[in-house]
Amino acid sequence: MMDVSKRIESLEAISAIKDLKFKYWKACDAKKPIAVLRCFHPDKVEIDFEDFGIFSSAQDMVKKYEFHSCHPHLIEQHAGKNPIIKLLSSNEASGFWSMSYSLID
């Protein structure tokens, strides 16, 4: 069993991950590409958005997002629930969310 300080540290890390995910969804829905970009590490990343594409650069993903999604006639809504987050190390985690996505054009 983990000591109390390790348990608190784990809970804080999981909370920070949840906050980041919700900031990302909020930035996408608000059509704020700079805020979307700030949700990613500035170095090389691995982003797999299935049919939207696979990216090794957050900048490339955000450019595509901006080109396809940042239009006033498009209304997007991301809603996530039931996150399952597993801390793998002090700087790595895996996570899964159920997500509903709506797009009105």
C-alpha atoms as a PDB file:
ATOM      1  CA  MET A   1       0.000   0.000   0.000  1.00  0.00           C
ATOM      2  CA  MET A   2       1.284   3.475  -0.907  1.00  0.00           C
ATOM      3  CA  ASP A   3       1.985   5.984   1.800  1.00  0.00           C
ATOM      4  CA  VAL A   4      -0.259   9.017   2.070  1.00  0.00           C
ATOM      5  CA  SER A   5       2.125  11.404   0.289  1.00  0.00           C
ATOM      6  CA  LYS A   6       2.434   9.045  -2.714  1.00  0.00           C
ATOM      7  CA  ARG A   7      -1.350   8.626  -2.840  1.00  0.00           C
ATOM      8  CA  ILE A   8      -1.847  12.414  -2.796  1.00  0.00           C
ATOM      9  CA  GLU A   9       0.798  12.828  -5.503  1.00  0.00           C
ATOM     10  CA  SER A  10      -0.997  10.229  -7.645  1.00  0.00           C
ATOM     11  CA  LEU A  11      -4.373  11.910  -7.153  1.00  0.00           C
ATOM     12  CA  GLU A  12      -2.896  15.299  -8.073  1.00  0.00           C
ATOM     13  CA  ALA A  13      -1.308  13.851 -11.224  1.00  0.00           C
ATOM     14  CA  ILE A  14      -4.580  12.238 -12.293  1.00  0.00           C
ATOM     15  CA  SER A  15      -6.430  15.505 -11.635  1.00  0.00           C
ATOM     16  CA  ALA A  16      -3.892  17.428 -13.751  1.00  0.00           C
ATOM     17  CA  ILE A  17      -4.365  14.956 -16.620  1.00  0.00           C
ATOM     18  CA  LYS A  18      -8.149  15.366 -16.444  1.00  0.00           C
ATOM     19  CA  ASP A  19      -7.797  19.166 -16.376  1.00  0.00           C
ATOM     20  CA  LEU A  20      -5.554  19.084 -19.449  1.00  0.00           C
ATOM     21  CA  LYS A  21      -8.007  16.897 -21.367  1.00  0.00           C
ATOM     22  CA  PHE A  22     -10.895  19.230 -20.579  1.00  0.00           C
ATOM     23  CA  LYS A  23      -8.810  22.314 -21.487  1.00  0.00           C
ATOM     24  CA  TYR A  24      -8.073  20.671 -24.826  1.00  0.00           C
ATOM     25  CA  TRP A  25     -11.741  19.927 -25.547  1.00  0.00           C
ATOM     26  CA  LYS A  26     -12.777  23.424 -24.479  1.00  0.00           C
ATOM     27  CA  ALA A  27     -10.121  24.990 -26.737  1.00  0.00           C
ATOM     28  CA  CYS A  28     -11.277  22.857 -29.681  1.00  0.00           C
ATOM     29  CA  ASP A  29     -14.918  23.805 -29.143  1.00  0.00           C
ATOM     30  CA  ALA A  30     -14.006  27.500 -28.814  1.00  0.00           C
ATOM     31  CA  LYS A  31     -11.952  27.389 -32.049  1.00  0.00           C
ATOM     32  CA  LYS A  32      -8.764  28.556 -30.319  1.00  0.00           C
ATOM     33  CA  PRO A  33      -5.864  26.845 -32.116  1.00  0.00           C
ATOM     34  CA  ILE A  34      -3.173  28.482 -29.961  1.00  0.00           C
ATOM     35  CA  ALA A  35      -4.878  27.144 -26.833  1.00  0.00           C
ATOM     36  CA  VAL A  36      -5.126  23.708 -28.482  1.00  0.00           C
ATOM     37  CA  LEU A  37      -1.402  23.805 -29.263  1.00  0.00           C
ATOM     38  CA  ARG A  38      -0.570  24.682 -25.638  1.00  0.00           C
ATOM     39  CA  CYS A  39      -2.127  21.376 -24.563  1.00  0.00           C
ATOM     40  CA  PHE A  40       0.725  19.452 -26.212  1.00  0.00           C
ATOM     41  CA  HIS A  41       4.389  19.054 -25.429  1.00  0.00           C
ATOM     42  CA  PRO A  42       6.452  21.352 -27.688  1.00  0.00           C
ATOM     43  CA  ASP A  43       8.812  18.543 -28.744  1.00  0.00           C
ATOM     44  CA  LYS A  44       8.046  15.534 -30.899  1.00  0.00           C
ATOM     45  CA  VAL A  45       4.739  13.892 -30.007  1.00  0.00           C
ATOM     46  CA  GLU A  46       2.722  10.919 -31.186  1.00  0.00           C
ATOM     47  CA  ILE A  47      -0.865  11.887 -32.034  1.00  0.00           C
ATOM     48  CA  ASP A  48      -3.192   9.332 -33.629  1.00  0.00           C
ATOM     49  CA  PHE A  49      -6.598  10.797 -34.408  1.00  0.00           C
ATOM     50  CA  GLU A  50      -7.716   7.816 -36.477  1.00  0.00           C
ATOM     51  CA  ASP A  51      -9.455   9.196 -39.570  1.00  0.00           C
ATOM     52  CA  PHE A  52      -8.162  12.751 -38.934  1.00  0.00           C
ATOM     53  CA  GLY A  53      -4.538  11.628 -39.194  1.00  0.00           C
ATOM     54  CA  ILE A  54      -1.368  10.556 -37.448  1.00  0.00           C
ATOM     55  CA  PHE A  55       1.035  13.327 -36.442  1.00  0.00           C
ATOM     56  CA  SER A  56       4.524  13.563 -34.921  1.00  0.00           C
ATOM     57  CA  SER A  57       4.166  17.309 -34.440  1.00  0.00           C
ATOM     58  CA  ALA A  58       1.462  19.115 -32.510  1.00  0.00           C
ATOM     59  CA  GLN A  59       1.962  22.088 -34.837  1.00  0.00           C
ATOM     60  CA  ASP A  60       1.077  19.934 -37.857  1.00  0.00           C
ATOM     61  CA  MET A  61      -2.030  18.574 -36.147  1.00  0.00           C
ATOM     62  CA  VAL A  62      -3.154  22.069 -35.122  1.00  0.00           C
ATOM     63  CA  LYS A  63      -2.584  23.399 -38.665  1.00  0.00           C
ATOM     64  CA  LYS A  64      -4.897  20.703 -40.018  1.00  0.00           C
ATOM     65  CA  TYR A  65      -7.413  21.337 -37.212  1.00  0.00           C
ATOM     66  CA  GLU A  66      -7.362  25.077 -37.959  1.00  0.00           C
ATOM     67  CA  PHE A  67      -7.816  24.540 -41.709  1.00  0.00           C
ATOM     68  CA  HIS A  68     -10.734  22.098 -41.334  1.00  0.00           C
ATOM     69  CA  SER A  69     -12.433  23.159 -38.118  1.00  0.00           C
ATOM     70  CA  CYS A  70     -11.918  26.845 -37.338  1.00  0.00           C
ATOM     71  CA  HIS A  71     -14.864  28.255 -39.252  1.00  0.00           C
ATOM     72  CA  PRO A  72     -17.732  30.253 -37.721  1.00  0.00           C
ATOM     73  CA  HIS A  73     -20.365  28.055 -39.396  1.00  0.00           C
ATOM     74  CA  LEU A  74     -19.067  24.918 -37.635  1.00  0.00           C
ATOM     75  CA  ILE A  75     -20.197  24.263 -34.080  1.00  0.00           C
ATOM     76  CA  GLU A  76     -18.378  21.487 -32.250  1.00  0.00           C
ATOM     77  CA  GLN A  77     -19.030  20.006 -28.850  1.00  0.00           C
ATOM     78  CA  HIS A  78     -16.800  17.514 -27.087  1.00  0.00           C
ATOM     79  CA  ALA A  79     -18.136  15.827 -23.954  1.00  0.00           C
ATOM     80  CA  GLY A  80     -16.089  13.273 -22.054  1.00  0.00           C
ATOM     81  CA  LYS A  81     -16.894  11.039 -19.133  1.00  0.00           C
ATOM     82  CA  ASN A  82     -15.653   8.066 -17.174  1.00  0.00           C
ATOM     83  CA  PRO A  83     -11.894   8.632 -17.475  1.00  0.00           C
ATOM     84  CA  ILE A  84      -9.685   5.673 -16.664  1.00  0.00           C
ATOM     85  CA  ILE A  85      -6.147   6.866 -16.000  1.00  0.00           C
ATOM     86  CA  LYS A  86      -3.233   4.656 -15.066  1.00  0.00           C
ATOM     87  CA  LEU A  87       0.015   6.242 -13.930  1.00  0.00           C
ATOM     88  CA  LEU A  88       2.882   4.289 -15.481  1.00  0.00           C
ATOM     89  CA  SER A  89       5.776   6.260 -13.984  1.00  0.00           C
ATOM     90  CA  SER A  90       6.502   9.706 -12.573  1.00  0.00           C
ATOM     91  CA  ASN A  91       6.190  11.240 -16.064  1.00  0.00           C
ATOM     92  CA  GLU A  92       4.046   8.812 -18.050  1.00  0.00           C
ATOM     93  CA  ALA A  93       0.412   7.730 -17.940  1.00  0.00           C
ATOM     94  CA  SER A  94      -2.167   6.051 -20.112  1.00  0.00           C
ATOM     95  CA  GLY A  95      -5.776   7.057 -20.235  1.00  0.00           C
ATOM     96  CA  PHE A  96      -9.133   6.322 -21.791  1.00  0.00           C
ATOM     97  CA  TRP A  97     -12.265   8.476 -21.877  1.00  0.00           C
ATOM     98  CA  SER A  98     -15.722   7.844 -23.226  1.00  0.00           C
ATOM     99  CA  MET A  99     -16.411  10.795 -25.496  1.00  0.00           C
ATOM    100  CA  SER A 100     -19.399  12.164 -27.317  1.00  0.00           C
ATOM    101  CA  TYR A 101     -18.714  14.509 -30.201  1.00  0.00           C
ATOM    102  CA  SER A 102     -21.222  16.641 -32.048  1.00  0.00           C
ATOM    103  CA  LEU A 103     -20.620  18.747 -35.134  1.00  0.00           C
ATOM    104  CA  ILE A 104     -23.182  21.085 -36.604  1.00  0.00           C
ATOM    105  CA  ASP A 105     -22.411  22.504 -40.026  1.00  0.00           C
END
